[in-house]
Amino acid sequence: MTLTLTDKAQPRELPENEFCEQQLYEALSRYHSMLRSIDVTIQNPHGSQGRRQKTFRVQIRHESGEIMLIHRGEELVSALAAIVKRAEKAVSRARVRYLTRLSGEI
């Protein structure tokens, strides 16, 4: 999966967490009907070798629950691409479980 950054905002025009939220909303656009909110928190602790390693905490609330993803990386765009890929899989699985549960109730 290749992440295509939108032309609406480049990484430096918005705070990193807002930029990540915007990119996740766009990447998960086919699931908008089930999404409630996406929150991204970025921490910048120093790694064991003195380098900064960002910790991305992504919380996705949807109709039937919540998904929490944690990713560590140094570079924003590559970390975001990995997060988007994991988020798509997680939301897709949650949607299948939700639809299966609904079909059982009918």
PDB file of N, CA and C in Angstrom:
ATOM      1  N   MET A   1       0.837  -1.170   0.000  1.00  0.00           N
ATOM      2  CA  MET A   1       0.000   0.000   0.000  1.00  0.00           C
ATOM      3  C   MET A   1       0.881   1.231   0.000  1.00  0.00           C
ATOM      4  N   THR A   2       0.594   2.164  -0.854  1.00  0.00           N
ATOM      5  CA  THR A   2       1.347   3.403  -0.929  1.00  0.00           C
ATOM      6  C   THR A   2       0.468   4.539  -0.455  1.00  0.00           C
ATOM      7  N   LEU A   3       0.964   5.316   0.467  1.00  0.00           N
ATOM      8  CA  LEU A   3       0.216   6.453   0.976  1.00  0.00           C
ATOM      9  C   LEU A   3       0.446   7.629   0.054  1.00  0.00           C
ATOM     10  N   THR A   4      -0.630   8.219  -0.412  1.00  0.00           N
ATOM     11  CA  THR A   4      -0.539   9.415  -1.233  1.00  0.00           C
ATOM     12  C   THR A   4      -0.964  10.591  -0.380  1.00  0.00           C
ATOM     13  N   LEU A   5      -0.049  11.499  -0.130  1.00  0.00           N
ATOM     14  CA  LEU A   5      -0.388  12.662   0.672  1.00  0.00           C
ATOM     15  C   LEU A   5      -1.291  13.586  -0.123  1.00  0.00           C
ATOM     16  N   THR A   6      -2.276  14.127   0.552  1.00  0.00           N
ATOM     17  CA  THR A   6      -3.204  15.015  -0.139  1.00  0.00           C
ATOM     18  C   THR A   6      -2.556  16.374  -0.351  1.00  0.00           C
ATOM     19  N   ASP A   7      -3.062  17.083  -1.333  1.00  0.00           N
ATOM     20  CA  ASP A   7      -2.549  18.422  -1.610  1.00  0.00           C
ATOM     21  C   ASP A   7      -3.123  19.456  -0.649  1.00  0.00           C
ATOM     22  N   LYS A   8      -4.163  19.086   0.093  1.00  0.00           N
ATOM     23  CA  LYS A   8      -4.818  20.038   0.984  1.00  0.00           C
ATOM     24  C   LYS A   8      -3.888  20.524   2.087  1.00  0.00           C
ATOM     25  N   ALA A   9      -3.060  19.634   2.582  1.00  0.00           N
ATOM     26  CA  ALA A   9      -2.169  20.020   3.679  1.00  0.00           C
ATOM     27  C   ALA A   9      -0.891  19.206   3.610  1.00  0.00           C
ATOM     28  N   GLN A  10       0.182  19.875   3.669  1.00  0.00           N
ATOM     29  CA  GLN A  10       1.469  19.203   3.728  1.00  0.00           C
ATOM     30  C   GLN A  10       1.828  19.028   5.203  1.00  0.00           C
ATOM     31  N   PRO A  11       2.729  18.110   5.522  1.00  0.00           N
ATOM     32  CA  PRO A  11       3.025  17.812   6.922  1.00  0.00           C
ATOM     33  C   PRO A  11       3.386  19.019   7.778  1.00  0.00           C
ATOM     34  N   ARG A  12       3.982  20.039   7.223  1.00  0.00           N
ATOM     35  CA  ARG A  12       4.434  21.169   8.035  1.00  0.00           C
ATOM     36  C   ARG A  12       3.374  22.258   8.204  1.00  0.00           C
ATOM     37  N   GLU A  13       2.256  22.172   7.489  1.00  0.00           N
ATOM     38  CA  GLU A  13       1.224  23.196   7.602  1.00  0.00           C
ATOM     39  C   GLU A  13       0.296  22.961   8.791  1.00  0.00           C
ATOM     40  N   LEU A  14       0.209  21.741   9.261  1.00  0.00           N
ATOM     41  CA  LEU A  14      -0.641  21.373  10.393  1.00  0.00           C
ATOM     42  C   LEU A  14       0.221  20.737  11.474  1.00  0.00           C
ATOM     43  N   PRO A  15      -0.256  20.758  12.724  1.00  0.00           N
ATOM     44  CA  PRO A  15       0.442  19.949  13.728  1.00  0.00           C
ATOM     45  C   PRO A  15       0.430  18.484  13.286  1.00  0.00           C
ATOM     46  N   GLU A  16       1.464  17.737  13.627  1.00  0.00           N
ATOM     47  CA  GLU A  16       1.595  16.363  13.136  1.00  0.00           C
ATOM     48  C   GLU A  16       0.388  15.495  13.466  1.00  0.00           C
ATOM     49  N   ASN A  17      -0.163  15.631  14.681  1.00  0.00           N
ATOM     50  CA  ASN A  17      -1.292  14.771  15.036  1.00  0.00           C
ATOM     51  C   ASN A  17      -2.526  15.089  14.193  1.00  0.00           C
ATOM     52  N   GLU A  18      -2.782  16.365  13.913  1.00  0.00           N
ATOM     53  CA  GLU A  18      -3.919  16.737  13.064  1.00  0.00           C
ATOM     54  C   GLU A  18      -3.699  16.272  11.625  1.00  0.00           C
ATOM     55  N   PHE A  19      -2.474  16.369  11.149  1.00  0.00           N
ATOM     56  CA  PHE A  19      -2.152  15.892   9.806  1.00  0.00           C
ATOM     57  C   PHE A  19      -2.414  14.389   9.708  1.00  0.00           C
ATOM     58  N   CYS A  20      -1.980  13.633  10.726  1.00  0.00           N
ATOM     59  CA  CYS A  20      -2.207  12.182  10.739  1.00  0.00           C
ATOM     60  C   CYS A  20      -3.698  11.863  10.762  1.00  0.00           C
ATOM     61  N   GLU A  21      -4.456  12.582  11.583  1.00  0.00           N
ATOM     62  CA  GLU A  21      -5.904  12.355  11.645  1.00  0.00           C
ATOM     63  C   GLU A  21      -6.550  12.601  10.290  1.00  0.00           C
ATOM     64  N   GLN A  22      -6.162  13.690   9.643  1.00  0.00           N
ATOM     65  CA  GLN A  22      -6.721  14.018   8.325  1.00  0.00           C
ATOM     66  C   GLN A  22      -6.407  12.920   7.310  1.00  0.00           C
ATOM     67  N   GLN A  23      -5.170  12.456   7.291  1.00  0.00           N
ATOM     68  CA  GLN A  23      -4.779  11.416   6.342  1.00  0.00           C
ATOM     69  C   GLN A  23      -5.511  10.103   6.630  1.00  0.00           C
ATOM     70  N   LEU A  24      -5.695   9.780   7.904  1.00  0.00           N
ATOM     71  CA  LEU A  24      -6.426   8.557   8.258  1.00  0.00           C
ATOM     72  C   LEU A  24      -7.890   8.648   7.838  1.00  0.00           C
ATOM     73  N   TYR A  25      -8.525   9.798   8.065  1.00  0.00           N
ATOM     74  CA  TYR A  25      -9.915   9.965   7.632  1.00  0.00           C
ATOM     75  C   TYR A  25     -10.037   9.750   6.130  1.00  0.00           C
ATOM     76  N   GLU A  26      -9.102  10.300   5.380  1.00  0.00           N
ATOM     77  CA  GLU A  26      -9.162  10.154   3.923  1.00  0.00           C
ATOM     78  C   GLU A  26      -8.871   8.721   3.490  1.00  0.00           C
ATOM     79  N   ALA A  27      -7.912   8.069   4.143  1.00  0.00           N
ATOM     80  CA  ALA A  27      -7.577   6.691   3.778  1.00  0.00           C
ATOM     81  C   ALA A  27      -8.707   5.725   4.127  1.00  0.00           C
ATOM     82  N   LEU A  28      -9.455   6.038   5.169  1.00  0.00           N
ATOM     83  CA  LEU A  28     -10.553   5.173   5.610  1.00  0.00           C
ATOM     84  C   LEU A  28     -11.907   5.676   5.110  1.00  0.00           C
ATOM     85  N   SER A  29     -11.910   6.410   4.024  1.00  0.00           N
ATOM     86  CA  SER A  29     -13.136   7.054   3.541  1.00  0.00           C
ATOM     87  C   SER A  29     -14.265   6.072   3.253  1.00  0.00           C
ATOM     88  N   ARG A  30     -13.945   4.864   2.817  1.00  0.00           N
ATOM     89  CA  ARG A  30     -15.024   3.919   2.508  1.00  0.00           C
ATOM     90  C   ARG A  30     -15.717   3.413   3.773  1.00  0.00           C
ATOM     91  N   TYR A  31     -15.140   3.679   4.932  1.00  0.00           N
ATOM     92  CA  TYR A  31     -15.735   3.262   6.201  1.00  0.00           C
ATOM     93  C   TYR A  31     -16.361   4.432   6.969  1.00  0.00           C
ATOM     94  N   HIS A  32     -16.483   5.604   6.355  1.00  0.00           N
ATOM     95  CA  HIS A  32     -16.968   6.783   7.066  1.00  0.00           C
ATOM     96  C   HIS A  32     -18.301   6.554   7.760  1.00  0.00           C
ATOM     97  N   SER A  33     -19.171   5.741   7.164  1.00  0.00           N
ATOM     98  CA  SER A  33     -20.486   5.537   7.760  1.00  0.00           C
ATOM     99  C   SER A  33     -20.402   4.864   9.131  1.00  0.00           C
ATOM    100  N   MET A  34     -19.347   4.119   9.389  1.00  0.00           N
ATOM    101  CA  MET A  34     -19.239   3.445  10.683  1.00  0.00           C
ATOM    102  C   MET A  34     -18.269   4.125  11.645  1.00  0.00           C
ATOM    103  N   LEU A  35     -17.479   5.087  11.173  1.00  0.00           N
ATOM    104  CA  LEU A  35     -16.498   5.754  12.033  1.00  0.00           C
ATOM    105  C   LEU A  35     -17.159   6.815  12.902  1.00  0.00           C
ATOM    106  N   ARG A  36     -16.735   6.872  14.159  1.00  0.00           N
ATOM    107  CA  ARG A  36     -17.193   7.912  15.080  1.00  0.00           C
ATOM    108  C   ARG A  36     -16.120   8.994  15.243  1.00  0.00           C
ATOM    109  N   SER A  37     -14.890   8.570  15.506  1.00  0.00           N
ATOM    110  CA  SER A  37     -13.806   9.542  15.661  1.00  0.00           C
ATOM    111  C   SER A  37     -12.458   8.853  15.506  1.00  0.00           C
ATOM    112  N   ILE A  38     -11.462   9.668  15.188  1.00  0.00           N
ATOM    113  CA  ILE A  38     -10.073   9.209  15.112  1.00  0.00           C
ATOM    114  C   ILE A  38      -9.235  10.206  15.904  1.00  0.00           C
ATOM    115  N   ASP A  39      -8.487   9.712  16.866  1.00  0.00           N
ATOM    116  CA  ASP A  39      -7.603  10.557  17.662  1.00  0.00           C
ATOM    117  C   ASP A  39      -6.183  10.031  17.531  1.00  0.00           C
ATOM    118  N   VAL A  40      -5.250  10.943  17.274  1.00  0.00           N
ATOM    119  CA  VAL A  40      -3.838  10.570  17.156  1.00  0.00           C
ATOM    120  C   VAL A  40      -3.045  11.357  18.193  1.00  0.00           C
ATOM    121  N   THR A  41      -2.245  10.643  18.963  1.00  0.00           N
ATOM    122  CA  THR A  41      -1.343  11.259  19.929  1.00  0.00           C
ATOM    123  C   THR A  41       0.071  10.861  19.536  1.00  0.00           C
ATOM    124  N   ILE A  42       0.967  11.842  19.492  1.00  0.00           N
ATOM    125  CA  ILE A  42       2.357  11.567  19.120  1.00  0.00           C
ATOM    126  C   ILE A  42       3.258  11.992  20.271  1.00  0.00           C
ATOM    127  N   GLN A  43       4.072  11.059  20.741  1.00  0.00           N
ATOM    128  CA  GLN A  43       5.045  11.356  21.781  1.00  0.00           C
ATOM    129  C   GLN A  43       6.434  11.282  21.167  1.00  0.00           C
ATOM    130  N   ASN A  44       7.352  12.110  21.670  1.00  0.00           N
ATOM    131  CA  ASN A  44       8.711  12.160  21.128  1.00  0.00           C
ATOM    132  C   ASN A  44       9.772  11.830  22.177  1.00  0.00           C
ATOM    133  N   PRO A  45       9.733  10.654  22.789  1.00  0.00           N
ATOM    134  CA  PRO A  45      10.794  10.333  23.756  1.00  0.00           C
ATOM    135  C   PRO A  45      12.102  10.006  23.035  1.00  0.00           C
ATOM    136  N   HIS A  46      13.194  10.113  23.753  1.00  0.00           N
ATOM    137  CA  HIS A  46      14.489   9.742  23.182  1.00  0.00           C
ATOM    138  C   HIS A  46      14.619   8.230  23.185  1.00  0.00           C
ATOM    139  N   GLY A  47      15.141   7.692  22.086  1.00  0.00           N
ATOM    140  CA  GLY A  47      15.376   6.251  21.994  1.00  0.00           C
ATOM    141  C   GLY A  47      16.576   5.843  22.822  1.00  0.00           C
ATOM    142  N   SER A  48      16.877   4.565  22.835  1.00  0.00           N
ATOM    143  CA  SER A  48      17.976   4.050  23.648  1.00  0.00           C
ATOM    144  C   SER A  48      19.337   4.553  23.169  1.00  0.00           C
ATOM    145  N   GLN A  49      19.424   4.957  21.914  1.00  0.00           N
ATOM    146  CA  GLN A  49      20.695   5.437  21.371  1.00  0.00           C
ATOM    147  C   GLN A  49      20.719   6.956  21.257  1.00  0.00           C
ATOM    148  N   GLY A  50      19.847   7.636  21.999  1.00  0.00           N
ATOM    149  CA  GLY A  50      19.831   9.085  21.990  1.00  0.00           C
ATOM    150  C   GLY A  50      19.054   9.694  20.837  1.00  0.00           C
ATOM    151  N   ARG A  51      18.551   8.850  19.923  1.00  0.00           N
ATOM    152  CA  ARG A  51      17.758   9.365  18.800  1.00  0.00           C
ATOM    153  C   ARG A  51      16.310   9.497  19.234  1.00  0.00           C
ATOM    154  N   ARG A  52      15.638  10.418  18.611  1.00  0.00           N
ATOM    155  CA  ARG A  52      14.210  10.559  18.889  1.00  0.00           C
ATOM    156  C   ARG A  52      13.451   9.491  18.120  1.00  0.00           C
ATOM    157  N   GLN A  53      12.602   8.794  18.820  1.00  0.00           N
ATOM    158  CA  GLN A  53      11.731   7.815  18.184  1.00  0.00           C
ATOM    159  C   GLN A  53      10.308   8.171  18.583  1.00  0.00           C
ATOM    160  N   LYS A  54       9.504   8.529  17.614  1.00  0.00           N
ATOM    161  CA  LYS A  54       8.133   8.938  17.885  1.00  0.00           C
ATOM    162  C   LYS A  54       7.269   7.715  18.162  1.00  0.00           C
ATOM    163  N   THR A  55       6.347   7.887  19.084  1.00  0.00           N
ATOM    164  CA  THR A  55       5.352   6.860  19.363  1.00  0.00           C
ATOM    165  C   THR A  55       4.002   7.426  18.955  1.00  0.00           C
ATOM    166  N   PHE A  56       3.380   6.775  17.995  1.00  0.00           N
ATOM    167  CA  PHE A  56       2.074   7.190  17.492  1.00  0.00           C
ATOM    168  C   PHE A  56       1.013   6.317  18.147  1.00  0.00           C
ATOM    169  N   ARG A  57       0.072   6.928  18.838  1.00  0.00           N
ATOM    170  CA  ARG A  57      -1.061   6.201  19.417  1.00  0.00           C
ATOM    171  C   ARG A  57      -2.307   6.648  18.665  1.00  0.00           C
ATOM    172  N   VAL A  58      -2.949   5.686  18.021  1.00  0.00           N
ATOM    173  CA  VAL A  58      -4.118   5.983  17.198  1.00  0.00           C
ATOM    174  C   VAL A  58      -5.320   5.280  17.814  1.00  0.00           C
ATOM    175  N   GLN A  59      -6.351   6.064  18.110  1.00  0.00           N
ATOM    176  CA  GLN A  59      -7.579   5.515  18.672  1.00  0.00           C
ATOM    177  C   GLN A  59      -8.699   5.779  17.670  1.00  0.00           C
ATOM    178  N   ILE A  60      -9.295   4.699  17.180  1.00  0.00           N
ATOM    179  CA  ILE A  60     -10.372   4.803  16.198  1.00  0.00           C
ATOM    180  C   ILE A  60     -11.642   4.284  16.863  1.00  0.00           C
ATOM    181  N   ARG A  61     -12.619   5.165  17.028  1.00  0.00           N
ATOM    182  CA  ARG A  61     -13.907   4.747  17.583  1.00  0.00           C
ATOM    183  C   ARG A  61     -14.861   4.513  16.422  1.00  0.00           C
ATOM    184  N   HIS A  62     -15.586   3.393  16.494  1.00  0.00           N
ATOM    185  CA  HIS A  62     -16.532   3.061  15.433  1.00  0.00           C
ATOM    186  C   HIS A  62     -17.821   2.551  16.058  1.00  0.00           C
ATOM    187  N   GLU A  63     -18.792   2.197  15.217  1.00  0.00           N
ATOM    188  CA  GLU A  63     -20.124   1.817  15.681  1.00  0.00           C
ATOM    189  C   GLU A  63     -20.126   0.740  16.747  1.00  0.00           C
ATOM    190  N   SER A  64     -19.255  -0.223  16.625  1.00  0.00           N
ATOM    191  CA  SER A  64     -19.331  -1.365  17.534  1.00  0.00           C
ATOM    192  C   SER A  64     -18.158  -1.453  18.505  1.00  0.00           C
ATOM    193  N   GLY A  65     -17.412  -0.382  18.665  1.00  0.00           N
ATOM    194  CA  GLY A  65     -16.313  -0.438  19.619  1.00  0.00           C
ATOM    195  C   GLY A  65     -15.197   0.534  19.327  1.00  0.00           C
ATOM    196  N   GLU A  66     -13.992   0.070  19.601  1.00  0.00           N
ATOM    197  CA  GLU A  66     -12.825   0.936  19.517  1.00  0.00           C
ATOM    198  C   GLU A  66     -11.613   0.118  19.082  1.00  0.00           C
ATOM    199  N   ILE A  67     -10.740   0.743  18.317  1.00  0.00           N
ATOM    200  CA  ILE A  67      -9.494   0.123  17.870  1.00  0.00           C
ATOM    201  C   ILE A  67      -8.359   1.013  18.358  1.00  0.00           C
ATOM    202  N   MET A  68      -7.351   0.407  18.974  1.00  0.00           N
ATOM    203  CA  MET A  68      -6.194   1.156  19.439  1.00  0.00           C
ATOM    204  C   MET A  68      -4.961   0.612  18.737  1.00  0.00           C
ATOM    205  N   LEU A  69      -4.229   1.480  18.051  1.00  0.00           N
ATOM    206  CA  LEU A  69      -2.994   1.093  17.366  1.00  0.00           C
ATOM    207  C   LEU A  69      -1.837   1.891  17.948  1.00  0.00           C
ATOM    208  N   ILE A  70      -0.712   1.238  18.151  1.00  0.00           N
ATOM    209  CA  ILE A  70       0.500   1.914  18.609  1.00  0.00           C
ATOM    210  C   ILE A  70       1.599   1.592  17.612  1.00  0.00           C
ATOM    211  N   HIS A  71       2.288   2.631  17.148  1.00  0.00           N
ATOM    212  CA  HIS A  71       3.358   2.442  16.170  1.00  0.00           C
ATOM    213  C   HIS A  71       4.538   3.315  16.570  1.00  0.00           C
ATOM    214  N   ARG A  72       5.723   2.765  16.452  1.00  0.00           N
ATOM    215  CA  ARG A  72       6.939   3.533  16.742  1.00  0.00           C
ATOM    216  C   ARG A  72       7.713   3.726  15.447  1.00  0.00           C
ATOM    217  N   GLY A  73       8.167   4.939  15.239  1.00  0.00           N
ATOM    218  CA  GLY A  73       8.938   5.244  14.047  1.00  0.00           C
ATOM    219  C   GLY A  73       9.539   6.626  14.145  1.00  0.00           C
ATOM    220  N   GLU A  74      10.481   6.900  13.276  1.00  0.00           N
ATOM    221  CA  GLU A  74      11.165   8.190  13.305  1.00  0.00           C
ATOM    222  C   GLU A  74      10.609   9.161  12.275  1.00  0.00           C
ATOM    223  N   GLU A  75      10.253   8.672  11.121  1.00  0.00           N
ATOM    224  CA  GLU A  75       9.869   9.538  10.009  1.00  0.00           C
ATOM    225  C   GLU A  75       8.349   9.521   9.851  1.00  0.00           C
ATOM    226  N   LEU A  76       7.731  10.694   9.794  1.00  0.00           N
ATOM    227  CA  LEU A  76       6.277  10.830   9.804  1.00  0.00           C
ATOM    228  C   LEU A  76       5.590  10.090   8.666  1.00  0.00           C
ATOM    229  N   VAL A  77       6.018  10.292   7.441  1.00  0.00           N
ATOM    230  CA  VAL A  77       5.302   9.735   6.291  1.00  0.00           C
ATOM    231  C   VAL A  77       5.367   8.211   6.271  1.00  0.00           C
ATOM    232  N   SER A  78       6.532   7.631   6.538  1.00  0.00           N
ATOM    233  CA  SER A  78       6.620   6.163   6.532  1.00  0.00           C
ATOM    234  C   SER A  78       5.843   5.565   7.700  1.00  0.00           C
ATOM    235  N   ALA A  79       5.881   6.213   8.851  1.00  0.00           N
ATOM    236  CA  ALA A  79       5.099   5.732   9.995  1.00  0.00           C
ATOM    237  C   ALA A  79       3.610   5.828   9.690  1.00  0.00           C
ATOM    238  N   LEU A  80       3.202   6.917   9.073  1.00  0.00           N
ATOM    239  CA  LEU A  80       1.795   7.102   8.728  1.00  0.00           C
ATOM    240  C   LEU A  80       1.327   6.061   7.719  1.00  0.00           C
ATOM    241  N   ALA A  81       2.167   5.732   6.757  1.00  0.00           N
ATOM    242  CA  ALA A  81       1.808   4.701   5.774  1.00  0.00           C
ATOM    243  C   ALA A  81       1.576   3.358   6.465  1.00  0.00           C
ATOM    244  N   ALA A  82       2.432   3.013   7.418  1.00  0.00           N
ATOM    245  CA  ALA A  82       2.268   1.757   8.158  1.00  0.00           C
ATOM    246  C   ALA A  82       1.004   1.790   9.015  1.00  0.00           C
ATOM    247  N   ILE A  83       0.727   2.931   9.627  1.00  0.00           N
ATOM    248  CA  ILE A  83      -0.471   3.067  10.456  1.00  0.00           C
ATOM    249  C   ILE A  83      -1.725   2.934   9.605  1.00  0.00           C
ATOM    250  N   VAL A  84      -1.743   3.567   8.447  1.00  0.00           N
ATOM    251  CA  VAL A  84      -2.906   3.489   7.554  1.00  0.00           C
ATOM    252  C   VAL A  84      -3.156   2.044   7.144  1.00  0.00           C
ATOM    253  N   LYS A  85      -2.113   1.332   6.807  1.00  0.00           N
ATOM    254  CA  LYS A  85      -2.258  -0.068   6.395  1.00  0.00           C
ATOM    255  C   LYS A  85      -2.859  -0.901   7.524  1.00  0.00           C
ATOM    256  N   ARG A  86      -2.340  -0.737   8.734  1.00  0.00           N
ATOM    257  CA  ARG A  86      -2.869  -1.473   9.888  1.00  0.00           C
ATOM    258  C   ARG A  86      -4.293  -1.050  10.214  1.00  0.00           C
ATOM    259  N   ALA A  87      -4.581   0.246  10.103  1.00  0.00           N
ATOM    260  CA  ALA A  87      -5.928   0.743  10.407  1.00  0.00           C
ATOM    261  C   ALA A  87      -6.951   0.194   9.423  1.00  0.00           C
ATOM    262  N   GLU A  88      -6.594   0.146   8.138  1.00  0.00           N
ATOM    263  CA  GLU A  88      -7.514  -0.405   7.139  1.00  0.00           C
ATOM    264  C   GLU A  88      -7.861  -1.852   7.459  1.00  0.00           C
ATOM    265  N   LYS A  89      -6.869  -2.649   7.816  1.00  0.00           N
ATOM    266  CA  LYS A  89      -7.120  -4.054   8.161  1.00  0.00           C
ATOM    267  C   LYS A  89      -8.004  -4.164   9.400  1.00  0.00           C
ATOM    268  N   ALA A  90      -7.682  -3.384  10.423  1.00  0.00           N
ATOM    269  CA  ALA A  90      -8.428  -3.464  11.679  1.00  0.00           C
ATOM    270  C   ALA A  90      -9.878  -3.018  11.506  1.00  0.00           C
ATOM    271  N   VAL A  91     -10.098  -1.928  10.781  1.00  0.00           N
ATOM    272  CA  VAL A  91     -11.461  -1.436  10.572  1.00  0.00           C
ATOM    273  C   VAL A  91     -12.240  -2.407   9.699  1.00  0.00           C
ATOM    274  N   SER A  92     -11.596  -2.980   8.707  1.00  0.00           N
ATOM    275  CA  SER A  92     -12.255  -3.962   7.849  1.00  0.00           C
ATOM    276  C   SER A  92     -12.707  -5.176   8.661  1.00  0.00           C
ATOM    277  N   ARG A  93     -11.840  -5.673   9.538  1.00  0.00           N
ATOM    278  CA  ARG A  93     -12.209  -6.809  10.390  1.00  0.00           C
ATOM    279  C   ARG A  93     -13.360  -6.442  11.325  1.00  0.00           C
ATOM    280  N   ALA A  94     -13.305  -5.239  11.896  1.00  0.00           N
ATOM    281  CA  ALA A  94     -14.378  -4.797  12.791  1.00  0.00           C
ATOM    282  C   ALA A  94     -15.696  -4.684  12.037  1.00  0.00           C
ATOM    283  N   ARG A  95     -15.630  -4.224  10.808  1.00  0.00           N
ATOM    284  CA  ARG A  95     -16.845  -4.084  10.001  1.00  0.00           C
ATOM    285  C   ARG A  95     -17.454  -5.453   9.698  1.00  0.00           C
ATOM    286  N   VAL A  96     -16.619  -6.430   9.368  1.00  0.00           N
ATOM    287  CA  VAL A  96     -17.114  -7.782   9.095  1.00  0.00           C
ATOM    288  C   VAL A  96     -17.798  -8.351  10.333  1.00  0.00           C
ATOM    289  N   ARG A  97     -17.167  -8.200  11.504  1.00  0.00           N
ATOM    290  CA  ARG A  97     -17.780  -8.697  12.747  1.00  0.00           C
ATOM    291  C   ARG A  97     -19.109  -7.997  13.012  1.00  0.00           C
ATOM    292  N   TYR A  98     -19.144  -6.690  12.786  1.00  0.00           N
ATOM    293  CA  TYR A  98     -20.364  -5.912  13.014  1.00  0.00           C
ATOM    294  C   TYR A  98     -21.481  -6.372  12.078  1.00  0.00           C
ATOM    295  N   LEU A  99     -21.174  -6.534  10.796  1.00  0.00           N
ATOM    296  CA  LEU A  99     -22.189  -6.968   9.830  1.00  0.00           C
ATOM    297  C   LEU A  99     -22.645  -8.396  10.104  1.00  0.00           C
ATOM    298  N   THR A 100     -21.736  -9.252  10.533  1.00  0.00           N
ATOM    299  CA  THR A 100     -22.102 -10.627  10.879  1.00  0.00           C
ATOM    300  C   THR A 100     -23.061 -10.637  12.063  1.00  0.00           C
ATOM    301  N   ARG A 101     -22.770  -9.810  13.048  1.00  0.00           N
ATOM    302  CA  ARG A 101     -23.645  -9.724  14.214  1.00  0.00           C
ATOM    303  C   ARG A 101     -25.020  -9.187  13.828  1.00  0.00           C
ATOM    304  N   LEU A 102     -25.042  -8.180  12.963  1.00  0.00           N
ATOM    305  CA  LEU A 102     -26.322  -7.623  12.504  1.00  0.00           C
ATOM    306  C   LEU A 102     -27.135  -8.657  11.744  1.00  0.00           C
ATOM    307  N   SER A 103     -26.493  -9.416  10.878  1.00  0.00           N
ATOM    308  CA  SER A 103     -27.224 -10.407  10.083  1.00  0.00           C
ATOM    309  C   SER A 103     -27.782 -11.516  10.972  1.00  0.00           C
ATOM    310  N   GLY A 104     -27.133 -11.797  12.083  1.00  0.00           N
ATOM    311  CA  GLY A 104     -27.636 -12.791  13.021  1.00  0.00           C
ATOM    312  C   GLY A 104     -28.840 -12.304  13.801  1.00  0.00           C
ATOM    313  N   GLU A 105     -28.971 -10.980  13.940  1.00  0.00           N
ATOM    314  CA  GLU A 105     -30.088 -10.401  14.683  1.00  0.00           C
ATOM    315  C   GLU A 105     -31.341 -10.268  13.836  1.00  0.00           C
ATOM    316  N   ILE A 106     -31.188 -10.314  12.522  1.00  0.00           N
ATOM    317  CA  ILE A 106     -32.334 -10.100  11.625  1.00  0.00           C
ATOM    318  C   ILE A 106     -33.202 -11.330  11.564  1.00  0.00           C
TER     319      ILE A 106
END
